Amino acid sequence: MPNWNEILDEIQQNSAPFDTVRRRYLRKLHERTKRNIISYYSGWLAKPGANFTSISDLDMEGFMNAMKGLDYSKGLDLLLHTPGGDIAATEAIVKYLRSKFDVDIRVIVPQLAMSAGTMIACSGKEIVMGNQSSLGPIDPQIPQINGYVPAFNIMREYKEAKADLSEHPENAHYWSVRLQGLSPAIIQHCENAITLSSELTKNWLKTGMFNKFIKDGGFIDTLVDENLNENSASKIHGRHFDKAHCIRIGLNIISLEDDDCFQDDVLSVHHAYALTLSNTPASKIIENHNGAACIRSI
């Protein structure tokens, strides 16, 4: 497997460097797997704060474009590298991919698929992870004045205030200041977001990853509610769940290290995307193995 520096040398020696080299390695991976490949790569690590790095409805254009010329009967390998994003857009993307490939979708996570990216990973029949790969908590984040706040934290503080005021009404002023801006509509929004993220993930697991296995509802409920969609144990939304942890909680994880040649091809593709996102204006790339691509730039 060529490493980061060797791929960089190859790029620097090419007349149309980044796209040409990246697509060659993507094609090589397709030739090994004999499956359709779509990559969904965000540049949020290389370009913190850049536009278009999170999952959004704009991504549907990229996925529609990536379907061109594919034989749906061959299934899909989805290479996923994302910080997450909008839940509604995530739902639409999963529905669209399943409308084309049913549940014959394998999600490959070379490095990170966080938040809503973890939800997408859970929609596949299996998740391929290496020792360097991570998923993350799917607890919803709610936009506030000072950034995003976990919906669970808002709900926890609201319930704490409610319990305290039932016994100590004299604390009303304290809580009115502390909870300033938290309207009943925001509380309801938090409840709905938590419920939706759980319901979608559970349904995708039941109909995809575990549809051919005898798994009672209690197993999937525990997997989602106690291990993925919570923040008491995780502490922070950006907590990394490595391969061993994902296996331990019950996800169907295939180890990238089980096949050296496959691992080499996947990591070569990953390095090529990382170099593209680090050295060009591109902030997100959605691309298939035939080179059909939608590239968002800052």
C-alpha atoms as a PDB file:
ATOM      1  CA  MET A   1       0.000   0.000   0.000  1.00  0.00           C
ATOM      2  CA  PRO A   2       1.393   3.440  -0.887  1.00  0.00           C
ATOM      3  CA  ASN A   3       1.454   5.645   2.183  1.00  0.00           C
ATOM      4  CA  TRP A   4       0.448   9.303   2.521  1.00  0.00           C
ATOM      5  CA  ASN A   5       3.780  10.662   1.246  1.00  0.00           C
ATOM      6  CA  GLU A   6       3.936   8.282  -1.722  1.00  0.00           C
ATOM      7  CA  ILE A   7       0.436   9.249  -2.817  1.00  0.00           C
ATOM      8  CA  LEU A   8       1.374  12.922  -2.408  1.00  0.00           C
ATOM      9  CA  ASP A   9       4.417  12.349  -4.657  1.00  0.00           C
ATOM     10  CA  GLU A  10       2.160  10.713  -7.210  1.00  0.00           C
ATOM     11  CA  ILE A  11      -0.201  13.681  -7.122  1.00  0.00           C
ATOM     12  CA  GLN A  12       2.630  16.157  -7.592  1.00  0.00           C
ATOM     13  CA  GLN A  13       3.852  14.298 -10.681  1.00  0.00           C
ATOM     14  CA  ASN A  14       0.422  14.315 -12.354  1.00  0.00           C
ATOM     15  CA  SER A  15      -0.872  16.962 -14.751  1.00  0.00           C
ATOM     16  CA  ALA A  16      -4.416  16.794 -13.317  1.00  0.00           C
ATOM     17  CA  PRO A  17      -3.279  15.632  -9.929  1.00  0.00           C
ATOM     18  CA  PHE A  18      -5.915  15.257  -7.278  1.00  0.00           C
ATOM     19  CA  ASP A  19      -8.916  14.034  -9.275  1.00  0.00           C
ATOM     20  CA  THR A  20      -6.874  11.691 -11.464  1.00  0.00           C
ATOM     21  CA  VAL A  21      -5.012   9.986  -8.646  1.00  0.00           C
ATOM     22  CA  ARG A  22      -8.027   9.787  -6.342  1.00  0.00           C
ATOM     23  CA  ARG A  23     -10.225   8.230  -9.008  1.00  0.00           C
ATOM     24  CA  ARG A  24      -7.573   5.697  -9.966  1.00  0.00           C
ATOM     25  CA  TYR A  25      -7.479   4.361  -6.424  1.00  0.00           C
ATOM     26  CA  LEU A  26     -11.272   4.439  -6.202  1.00  0.00           C
ATOM     27  CA  ARG A  27     -11.485   2.418  -9.404  1.00  0.00           C
ATOM     28  CA  LYS A  28      -8.906  -0.040  -8.083  1.00  0.00           C
ATOM     29  CA  LEU A  29     -11.053  -0.609  -4.992  1.00  0.00           C
ATOM     30  CA  HIS A  30     -14.088  -1.241  -7.211  1.00  0.00           C
ATOM     31  CA  GLU A  31     -12.150  -3.775  -9.254  1.00  0.00           C
ATOM     32  CA  ARG A  32     -11.332  -5.656  -6.067  1.00  0.00           C
ATOM     33  CA  THR A  33     -14.827  -5.670  -4.563  1.00  0.00           C
ATOM     34  CA  LYS A  34     -16.843  -5.937  -7.824  1.00  0.00           C
ATOM     35  CA  ARG A  35     -19.423  -3.746  -6.085  1.00  0.00           C
ATOM     36  CA  ASN A  36     -20.629  -0.224  -6.742  1.00  0.00           C
ATOM     37  CA  ILE A  37     -18.712   2.351  -4.731  1.00  0.00           C
ATOM     38  CA  ILE A  38     -19.860   5.797  -3.680  1.00  0.00           C
ATOM     39  CA  SER A  39     -17.638   7.927  -1.501  1.00  0.00           C
ATOM     40  CA  TYR A  40     -19.047  10.609   0.766  1.00  0.00           C
ATOM     41  CA  TYR A  41     -16.134  12.637   2.095  1.00  0.00           C
ATOM     42  CA  SER A  42     -16.352  15.795   4.176  1.00  0.00           C
ATOM     43  CA  GLY A  43     -13.438  18.162   4.685  1.00  0.00           C
ATOM     44  CA  TRP A  44     -14.433  19.357   8.153  1.00  0.00           C
ATOM     45  CA  LEU A  45     -11.121  18.242   9.650  1.00  0.00           C
ATOM     46  CA  ALA A  46      -9.022  20.083   7.087  1.00  0.00           C
ATOM     47  CA  LYS A  47     -11.294  23.144   6.932  1.00  0.00           C
ATOM     48  CA  PRO A  48     -12.901  23.758  10.351  1.00  0.00           C
ATOM     49  CA  GLY A  49     -15.906  26.035  10.042  1.00  0.00           C
ATOM     50  CA  ALA A  50     -16.104  25.770   6.247  1.00  0.00           C
ATOM     51  CA  ASN A  51     -19.461  25.668   4.477  1.00  0.00           C
ATOM     52  CA  PHE A  52     -21.004  22.458   3.145  1.00  0.00           C
ATOM     53  CA  THR A  53     -19.080  20.048   5.412  1.00  0.00           C
ATOM     54  CA  SER A  54     -22.121  18.707   7.329  1.00  0.00           C
ATOM     55  CA  ILE A  55     -24.842  16.422   6.033  1.00  0.00           C
ATOM     56  CA  SER A  56     -27.571  18.526   4.427  1.00  0.00           C
ATOM     57  CA  ASP A  57     -30.268  18.408   1.758  1.00  0.00           C
ATOM     58  CA  LEU A  58     -27.712  19.705  -0.748  1.00  0.00           C
ATOM     59  CA  ASP A  59     -26.098  16.247  -0.623  1.00  0.00           C
ATOM     60  CA  MET A  60     -29.019  14.656  -2.440  1.00  0.00           C
ATOM     61  CA  GLU A  61     -27.797  16.217  -5.689  1.00  0.00           C
ATOM     62  CA  GLY A  62     -24.467  14.488  -5.214  1.00  0.00           C
ATOM     63  CA  PHE A  63     -26.012  11.097  -4.549  1.00  0.00           C
ATOM     64  CA  MET A  64     -28.369  11.441  -7.517  1.00  0.00           C
ATOM     65  CA  ASN A  65     -25.391  12.272  -9.730  1.00  0.00           C
ATOM     66  CA  ALA A  66     -23.411   9.332  -8.328  1.00  0.00           C
ATOM     67  CA  MET A  67     -26.138   6.875  -9.380  1.00  0.00           C
ATOM     68  CA  LYS A  68     -25.374   7.464 -13.055  1.00  0.00           C
ATOM     69  CA  GLY A  69     -24.307   4.285 -14.816  1.00  0.00           C
ATOM     70  CA  LEU A  70     -24.479   1.998 -11.777  1.00  0.00           C
ATOM     71  CA  ASP A  71     -25.758  -1.583 -11.845  1.00  0.00           C
ATOM     72  CA  TYR A  72     -27.907  -1.653  -8.703  1.00  0.00           C
ATOM     73  CA  SER A  73     -27.882  -5.456  -8.587  1.00  0.00           C
ATOM     74  CA  LYS A  74     -24.216  -5.358  -7.535  1.00  0.00           C
ATOM     75  CA  GLY A  75     -24.955  -3.649  -4.216  1.00  0.00           C
ATOM     76  CA  LEU A  76     -23.210  -0.614  -2.770  1.00  0.00           C
ATOM     77  CA  ASP A  77     -20.088   0.040  -0.758  1.00  0.00           C
ATOM     78  CA  LEU A  78     -20.449   3.492   0.800  1.00  0.00           C
ATOM     79  CA  LEU A  79     -17.172   5.060   1.943  1.00  0.00           C
ATOM     80  CA  LEU A  80     -18.190   7.447   4.693  1.00  0.00           C
ATOM     81  CA  HIS A  81     -16.211  10.243   6.340  1.00  0.00           C
ATOM     82  CA  THR A  82     -18.416  12.895   7.971  1.00  0.00           C
ATOM     83  CA  PRO A  83     -19.026  14.820  11.197  1.00  0.00           C
ATOM     84  CA  GLY A  84     -22.783  14.300  10.849  1.00  0.00           C
ATOM     85  CA  GLY A  85     -25.441  16.915  10.268  1.00  0.00           C
ATOM     86  CA  ASP A  86     -29.162  17.306   9.673  1.00  0.00           C
ATOM     87  CA  ILE A  87     -31.328  14.340  10.720  1.00  0.00           C
ATOM     88  CA  ALA A  88     -34.043  14.978   8.133  1.00  0.00           C
ATOM     89  CA  ALA A  89     -31.452  15.093   5.335  1.00  0.00           C
ATOM     90  CA  THR A  90     -29.900  11.899   6.722  1.00  0.00           C
ATOM     91  CA  GLU A  91     -33.284  10.156   6.599  1.00  0.00           C
ATOM     92  CA  ALA A  92     -33.816  11.248   2.992  1.00  0.00           C
ATOM     93  CA  ILE A  93     -30.360  10.017   1.931  1.00  0.00           C
ATOM     94  CA  VAL A  94     -30.856   6.587   3.528  1.00  0.00           C
ATOM     95  CA  LYS A  95     -34.301   6.228   1.943  1.00  0.00           C
ATOM     96  CA  TYR A  96     -32.861   7.121  -1.450  1.00  0.00           C
ATOM     97  CA  LEU A  97     -29.947   4.692  -1.202  1.00  0.00           C
ATOM     98  CA  ARG A  98     -32.243   1.890  -0.068  1.00  0.00           C
ATOM     99  CA  SER A  99     -34.650   2.633  -2.921  1.00  0.00           C
ATOM    100  CA  LYS A 100     -31.797   1.771  -5.282  1.00  0.00           C
ATOM    101  CA  PHE A 101     -29.918  -0.989  -3.442  1.00  0.00           C
ATOM    102  CA  ASP A 102     -32.501  -2.251  -0.945  1.00  0.00           C
ATOM    103  CA  VAL A 103     -30.423  -3.316   2.091  1.00  0.00           C
ATOM    104  CA  ASP A 104     -27.384  -4.531   0.124  1.00  0.00           C
ATOM    105  CA  ILE A 105     -25.357  -1.606   1.435  1.00  0.00           C
ATOM    106  CA  ARG A 106     -22.019  -2.018   3.165  1.00  0.00           C
ATOM    107  CA  VAL A 107     -20.711   1.075   4.930  1.00  0.00           C
ATOM    108  CA  ILE A 108     -16.930   1.491   5.077  1.00  0.00           C
ATOM    109  CA  VAL A 109     -15.594   3.915   7.691  1.00  0.00           C
ATOM    110  CA  PRO A 110     -11.878   4.516   7.058  1.00  0.00           C
ATOM    111  CA  GLN A 111     -11.630   7.071   9.859  1.00  0.00           C
ATOM    112  CA  LEU A 112     -14.710   8.890  11.239  1.00  0.00           C
ATOM    113  CA  ALA A 113     -18.485   8.724  10.781  1.00  0.00           C
ATOM    114  CA  MET A 114     -19.896  10.736  13.652  1.00  0.00           C
ATOM    115  CA  SER A 115     -23.393  11.671  14.863  1.00  0.00           C
ATOM    116  CA  ALA A 116     -25.770  11.418  11.876  1.00  0.00           C
ATOM    117  CA  GLY A 117     -22.904   9.685  10.061  1.00  0.00           C
ATOM    118  CA  THR A 118     -23.203   6.900  12.630  1.00  0.00           C
ATOM    119  CA  MET A 119     -26.911   6.740  11.846  1.00  0.00           C
ATOM    120  CA  ILE A 120     -26.085   6.243   8.148  1.00  0.00           C
ATOM    121  CA  ALA A 121     -23.571   3.541   9.088  1.00  0.00           C
ATOM    122  CA  CYS A 122     -26.291   1.762  11.070  1.00  0.00           C
ATOM    123  CA  SER A 123     -28.488   1.676   7.957  1.00  0.00           C
ATOM    124  CA  GLY A 124     -26.096  -0.719   6.225  1.00  0.00           C
ATOM    125  CA  LYS A 125     -26.054  -4.506   6.433  1.00  0.00           C
ATOM    126  CA  GLU A 126     -22.580  -4.310   7.965  1.00  0.00           C
ATOM    127  CA  ILE A 127     -19.993  -1.699   8.895  1.00  0.00           C
ATOM    128  CA  VAL A 128     -16.339  -2.064   7.938  1.00  0.00           C
ATOM    129  CA  MET A 129     -13.992  -0.458  10.479  1.00  0.00           C
ATOM    130  CA  GLY A 130     -10.255  -0.519  11.074  1.00  0.00           C
ATOM    131  CA  ASN A 131      -8.353  -0.044  14.292  1.00  0.00           C
ATOM    132  CA  GLN A 132      -8.201   3.669  13.462  1.00  0.00           C
ATOM    133  CA  SER A 133     -11.929   4.023  12.704  1.00  0.00           C
ATOM    134  CA  SER A 134     -14.588   5.540  14.950  1.00  0.00           C
ATOM    135  CA  LEU A 135     -18.324   6.050  15.147  1.00  0.00           C
ATOM    136  CA  GLY A 136     -19.931   8.355  17.693  1.00  0.00           C
ATOM    137  CA  PRO A 137     -23.025   9.198  19.761  1.00  0.00           C
ATOM    138  CA  ILE A 138     -26.162  10.077  17.793  1.00  0.00           C
ATOM    139  CA  ASP A 139     -27.696  12.321  20.474  1.00  0.00           C
ATOM    140  CA  PRO A 140     -29.204  15.369  18.706  1.00  0.00           C
ATOM    141  CA  GLN A 141     -27.591  18.787  18.986  1.00  0.00           C
ATOM    142  CA  ILE A 142     -29.781  21.886  19.195  1.00  0.00           C
ATOM    143  CA  PRO A 143     -28.574  25.265  17.860  1.00  0.00           C
ATOM    144  CA  GLN A 144     -28.354  27.954  20.533  1.00  0.00           C
ATOM    145  CA  ILE A 145     -26.828  31.450  20.656  1.00  0.00           C
ATOM    146  CA  ASN A 146     -23.419  30.159  21.745  1.00  0.00           C
ATOM    147  CA  GLY A 147     -23.327  27.139  19.431  1.00  0.00           C
ATOM    148  CA  TYR A 148     -24.891  23.689  19.553  1.00  0.00           C
ATOM    149  CA  VAL A 149     -26.126  22.173  22.825  1.00  0.00           C
ATOM    150  CA  PRO A 150     -27.085  18.506  23.380  1.00  0.00           C
ATOM    151  CA  ALA A 151     -30.858  18.058  23.455  1.00  0.00           C
ATOM    152  CA  PHE A 152     -30.371  15.730  26.410  1.00  0.00           C
ATOM    153  CA  ASN A 153     -28.708  18.522  28.402  1.00  0.00           C
ATOM    154  CA  ILE A 154     -31.580  20.902  27.732  1.00  0.00           C
ATOM    155  CA  MET A 155     -34.098  18.260  28.755  1.00  0.00           C
ATOM    156  CA  ARG A 156     -32.121  17.350  31.873  1.00  0.00           C
ATOM    157  CA  GLU A 157     -31.958  20.965  33.038  1.00  0.00           C
ATOM    158  CA  TYR A 158     -35.650  21.499  32.328  1.00  0.00           C
ATOM    159  CA  LYS A 159     -36.594  18.419  34.370  1.00  0.00           C
ATOM    160  CA  GLU A 160     -34.271  19.488  37.180  1.00  0.00           C
ATOM    161  CA  ALA A 161     -35.951  22.892  37.284  1.00  0.00           C
ATOM    162  CA  LYS A 162     -39.414  21.346  37.256  1.00  0.00           C
ATOM    163  CA  ALA A 163     -38.584  19.008  40.149  1.00  0.00           C
ATOM    164  CA  ASP A 164     -36.911  21.754  42.176  1.00  0.00           C
ATOM    165  CA  LEU A 165     -39.754  24.245  41.711  1.00  0.00           C
ATOM    166  CA  SER A 166     -42.358  21.704  42.785  1.00  0.00           C
ATOM    167  CA  GLU A 167     -40.679  21.682  46.222  1.00  0.00           C
ATOM    168  CA  HIS A 168     -39.092  25.133  46.297  1.00  0.00           C
ATOM    169  CA  PRO A 169     -41.230  27.679  44.427  1.00  0.00           C
ATOM    170  CA  GLU A 170     -39.100  30.429  45.952  1.00  0.00           C
ATOM    171  CA  ASN A 171     -36.377  29.445  43.465  1.00  0.00           C
ATOM    172  CA  ALA A 172     -38.468  30.675  40.531  1.00  0.00           C
ATOM    173  CA  HIS A 173     -36.274  33.708  39.871  1.00  0.00           C
ATOM    174  CA  TYR A 174     -33.102  31.601  39.813  1.00  0.00           C
ATOM    175  CA  TRP A 175     -34.571  29.213  37.277  1.00  0.00           C
ATOM    176  CA  SER A 176     -36.099  31.977  35.161  1.00  0.00           C
ATOM    177  CA  VAL A 177     -32.632  33.470  34.722  1.00  0.00           C
ATOM    178  CA  ARG A 178     -30.915  30.127  34.175  1.00  0.00           C
ATOM    179  CA  LEU A 179     -33.461  28.873  31.644  1.00  0.00           C
ATOM    180  CA  GLN A 180     -33.915  32.175  29.854  1.00  0.00           C
ATOM    181  CA  GLY A 181     -34.687  31.516  26.199  1.00  0.00           C
ATOM    182  CA  LEU A 182     -35.847  27.928  26.717  1.00  0.00           C
ATOM    183  CA  SER A 183     -39.420  28.141  25.511  1.00  0.00           C
ATOM    184  CA  PRO A 184     -41.883  25.216  25.600  1.00  0.00           C
ATOM    185  CA  ALA A 185     -41.378  24.963  21.834  1.00  0.00           C
ATOM    186  CA  ILE A 186     -37.647  24.308  22.298  1.00  0.00           C
ATOM    187  CA  ILE A 187     -38.363  21.646  24.925  1.00  0.00           C
ATOM    188  CA  GLN A 188     -40.775  19.936  22.532  1.00  0.00           C
ATOM    189  CA  HIS A 189     -38.232  20.213  19.726  1.00  0.00           C
ATOM    190  CA  CYS A 190     -35.625  18.484  21.904  1.00  0.00           C
ATOM    191  CA  GLU A 191     -38.015  15.648  22.757  1.00  0.00           C
ATOM    192  CA  ASN A 192     -38.943  15.195  19.101  1.00  0.00           C
ATOM    193  CA  ALA A 193     -35.302  15.209  17.940  1.00  0.00           C
ATOM    194  CA  ILE A 194     -34.280  12.584  20.510  1.00  0.00           C
ATOM    195  CA  THR A 195     -37.237  10.390  19.598  1.00  0.00           C
ATOM    196  CA  LEU A 196     -36.683  10.721  15.842  1.00  0.00           C
ATOM    197  CA  SER A 197     -32.981   9.848  15.946  1.00  0.00           C
ATOM    198  CA  SER A 198     -33.761   6.733  17.996  1.00  0.00           C
ATOM    199  CA  GLU A 199     -36.728   5.642  15.889  1.00  0.00           C
ATOM    200  CA  LEU A 200     -34.869   6.009  12.593  1.00  0.00           C
ATOM    201  CA  THR A 201     -31.780   4.134  13.807  1.00  0.00           C
ATOM    202  CA  LYS A 202     -33.818   1.325  15.341  1.00  0.00           C
ATOM    203  CA  ASN A 203     -35.861   0.902  12.172  1.00  0.00           C
ATOM    204  CA  TRP A 204     -32.763   0.817   9.973  1.00  0.00           C
ATOM    205  CA  LEU A 205     -31.113  -1.766  12.212  1.00  0.00           C
ATOM    206  CA  LYS A 206     -34.257  -3.938  12.244  1.00  0.00           C
ATOM    207  CA  THR A 207     -34.724  -3.811   8.482  1.00  0.00           C
ATOM    208  CA  GLY A 208     -31.039  -3.896   7.503  1.00  0.00           C
ATOM    209  CA  MET A 209     -28.238  -5.104   9.720  1.00  0.00           C
ATOM    210  CA  PHE A 210     -30.398  -7.483  11.747  1.00  0.00           C
ATOM    211  CA  ASN A 211     -33.204  -8.314   9.303  1.00  0.00           C
ATOM    212  CA  LYS A 212     -31.928 -11.881   8.792  1.00  0.00           C
ATOM    213  CA  PHE A 213     -31.066 -12.531  12.405  1.00  0.00           C
ATOM    214  CA  ILE A 214     -33.245 -13.325  15.373  1.00  0.00           C
ATOM    215  CA  LYS A 215     -32.872 -10.152  17.395  1.00  0.00           C
ATOM    216  CA  ASP A 216     -35.663  -9.195  19.746  1.00  0.00           C
ATOM    217  CA  GLY A 217     -36.759  -5.595  20.020  1.00  0.00           C
ATOM    218  CA  GLY A 218     -35.153  -5.338  23.433  1.00  0.00           C
ATOM    219  CA  PHE A 219     -31.700  -5.936  21.986  1.00  0.00           C
ATOM    220  CA  ILE A 220     -32.024  -3.150  19.427  1.00  0.00           C
ATOM    221  CA  ASP A 221     -33.669  -0.806  21.946  1.00  0.00           C
ATOM    222  CA  THR A 222     -30.741  -1.294  24.308  1.00  0.00           C
ATOM    223  CA  LEU A 223     -28.202  -0.886  21.516  1.00  0.00           C
ATOM    224  CA  VAL A 224     -29.682   2.455  20.475  1.00  0.00           C
ATOM    225  CA  ASP A 225     -31.083   3.975  23.677  1.00  0.00           C
ATOM    226  CA  GLU A 226     -28.342   2.930  26.088  1.00  0.00           C
ATOM    227  CA  ASN A 227     -25.295   2.951  23.809  1.00  0.00           C
ATOM    228  CA  LEU A 228     -25.827   5.296  20.867  1.00  0.00           C
ATOM    229  CA  ASN A 229     -28.533   7.862  21.641  1.00  0.00           C
ATOM    230  CA  GLU A 230     -27.505   8.975  25.125  1.00  0.00           C
ATOM    231  CA  ASN A 231     -25.019  11.404  26.615  1.00  0.00           C
ATOM    232  CA  SER A 232     -24.708  10.418  30.269  1.00  0.00           C
ATOM    233  CA  ALA A 233     -22.046   7.783  29.658  1.00  0.00           C
ATOM    234  CA  SER A 234     -20.559   9.408  26.548  1.00  0.00           C
ATOM    235  CA  LYS A 235     -20.204  12.794  28.326  1.00  0.00           C
ATOM    236  CA  ILE A 236     -19.474  14.639  25.074  1.00  0.00           C
ATOM    237  CA  HIS A 237     -21.078  14.487  21.634  1.00  0.00           C
ATOM    238  CA  GLY A 238     -17.698  14.035  19.960  1.00  0.00           C
ATOM    239  CA  ARG A 239     -16.836  10.866  21.898  1.00  0.00           C
ATOM    240  CA  HIS A 240     -15.133   8.309  19.633  1.00  0.00           C
ATOM    241  CA  PHE A 241     -16.474   4.741  19.597  1.00  0.00           C
ATOM    242  CA  ASP A 242     -13.662   2.561  18.255  1.00  0.00           C
ATOM    243  CA  LYS A 243     -14.029  -0.782  16.519  1.00  0.00           C
ATOM    244  CA  ALA A 244     -13.775  -2.821  19.709  1.00  0.00           C
ATOM    245  CA  HIS A 245     -16.472  -0.756  21.412  1.00  0.00           C
ATOM    246  CA  CYS A 246     -18.814  -1.031  18.421  1.00  0.00           C
ATOM    247  CA  ILE A 247     -18.395  -4.813  18.400  1.00  0.00           C
ATOM    248  CA  ARG A 248     -18.983  -4.935  22.154  1.00  0.00           C
ATOM    249  CA  ILE A 249     -22.314  -3.076  21.989  1.00  0.00           C
ATOM    250  CA  GLY A 250     -23.554  -5.458  19.279  1.00  0.00           C
ATOM    251  CA  LEU A 251     -23.128  -3.765  15.895  1.00  0.00           C
ATOM    252  CA  ASN A 252     -22.236  -6.001  12.952  1.00  0.00           C
ATOM    253  CA  ILE A 253     -18.643  -4.882  12.437  1.00  0.00           C
ATOM    254  CA  ILE A 254     -16.278  -6.309   9.828  1.00  0.00           C
ATOM    255  CA  SER A 255     -12.618  -5.712  10.629  1.00  0.00           C
ATOM    256  CA  LEU A 256     -10.696  -3.933   7.883  1.00  0.00           C
ATOM    257  CA  GLU A 257      -7.577  -5.780   9.024  1.00  0.00           C
ATOM    258  CA  ASP A 258      -9.092  -9.158   8.082  1.00  0.00           C
ATOM    259  CA  ASP A 259      -8.089  -8.663   4.423  1.00  0.00           C
ATOM    260  CA  ASP A 260      -4.722  -6.989   3.860  1.00  0.00           C
ATOM    261  CA  CYS A 261      -5.292  -6.226   0.179  1.00  0.00           C
ATOM    262  CA  PHE A 262      -8.737  -4.771   0.789  1.00  0.00           C
ATOM    263  CA  GLN A 263      -7.345  -2.723   3.672  1.00  0.00           C
ATOM    264  CA  ASP A 264      -4.560  -1.358   1.464  1.00  0.00           C
ATOM    265  CA  ASP A 265      -7.034  -0.285  -1.225  1.00  0.00           C
ATOM    266  CA  VAL A 266      -9.414   1.374   1.247  1.00  0.00           C
ATOM    267  CA  LEU A 267      -6.660   3.316   2.995  1.00  0.00           C
ATOM    268  CA  SER A 268      -5.144   4.411  -0.316  1.00  0.00           C
ATOM    269  CA  VAL A 269      -8.519   5.861  -1.280  1.00  0.00           C
ATOM    270  CA  HIS A 270      -8.784   7.514   2.127  1.00  0.00           C
ATOM    271  CA  HIS A 271      -5.348   9.135   1.818  1.00  0.00           C
ATOM    272  CA  ALA A 272      -6.216  10.394  -1.668  1.00  0.00           C
ATOM    273  CA  TYR A 273      -9.414  12.042  -0.397  1.00  0.00           C
ATOM    274  CA  ALA A 274      -7.674  13.521   2.630  1.00  0.00           C
ATOM    275  CA  LEU A 275      -4.988  15.046   0.418  1.00  0.00           C
ATOM    276  CA  THR A 276      -7.607  16.448  -1.963  1.00  0.00           C
ATOM    277  CA  LEU A 277      -9.554  18.069   0.871  1.00  0.00           C
ATOM    278  CA  SER A 278      -6.385  19.446   2.459  1.00  0.00           C
ATOM    279  CA  ASN A 279      -4.847  20.910  -0.694  1.00  0.00           C
ATOM    280  CA  THR A 280      -7.769  22.151  -2.790  1.00  0.00           C
ATOM    281  CA  PRO A 281     -10.813  24.393  -2.157  1.00  0.00           C
ATOM    282  CA  ALA A 282     -13.022  21.272  -1.976  1.00  0.00           C
ATOM    283  CA  SER A 283     -14.982  20.940   1.264  1.00  0.00           C
ATOM    284  CA  LYS A 284     -17.062  17.872   0.354  1.00  0.00           C
ATOM    285  CA  ILE A 285     -16.889  15.216  -2.360  1.00  0.00           C
ATOM    286  CA  ILE A 286     -19.623  12.744  -3.339  1.00  0.00           C
ATOM    287  CA  GLU A 287     -18.291  10.479  -6.067  1.00  0.00           C
ATOM    288  CA  ASN A 288     -18.726   7.038  -7.598  1.00  0.00           C
ATOM    289  CA  HIS A 289     -16.110   4.632  -8.927  1.00  0.00           C
ATOM    290  CA  ASN A 290     -16.758   5.790 -12.512  1.00  0.00           C
ATOM    291  CA  GLY A 291     -15.688   9.339 -11.636  1.00  0.00           C
ATOM    292  CA  ALA A 292     -19.145  10.921 -11.538  1.00  0.00           C
ATOM    293  CA  ALA A 293     -18.663  13.523  -8.832  1.00  0.00           C
ATOM    294  CA  CYS A 294     -20.310  16.427  -7.071  1.00  0.00           C
ATOM    295  CA  ILE A 295     -17.704  18.606  -5.346  1.00  0.00           C
ATOM    296  CA  ARG A 296     -18.642  21.433  -2.975  1.00  0.00           C
ATOM    297  CA  SER A 297     -16.010  24.098  -2.462  1.00  0.00           C
ATOM    298  CA  ILE A 298     -15.474  26.844   0.071  1.00  0.00           C
END
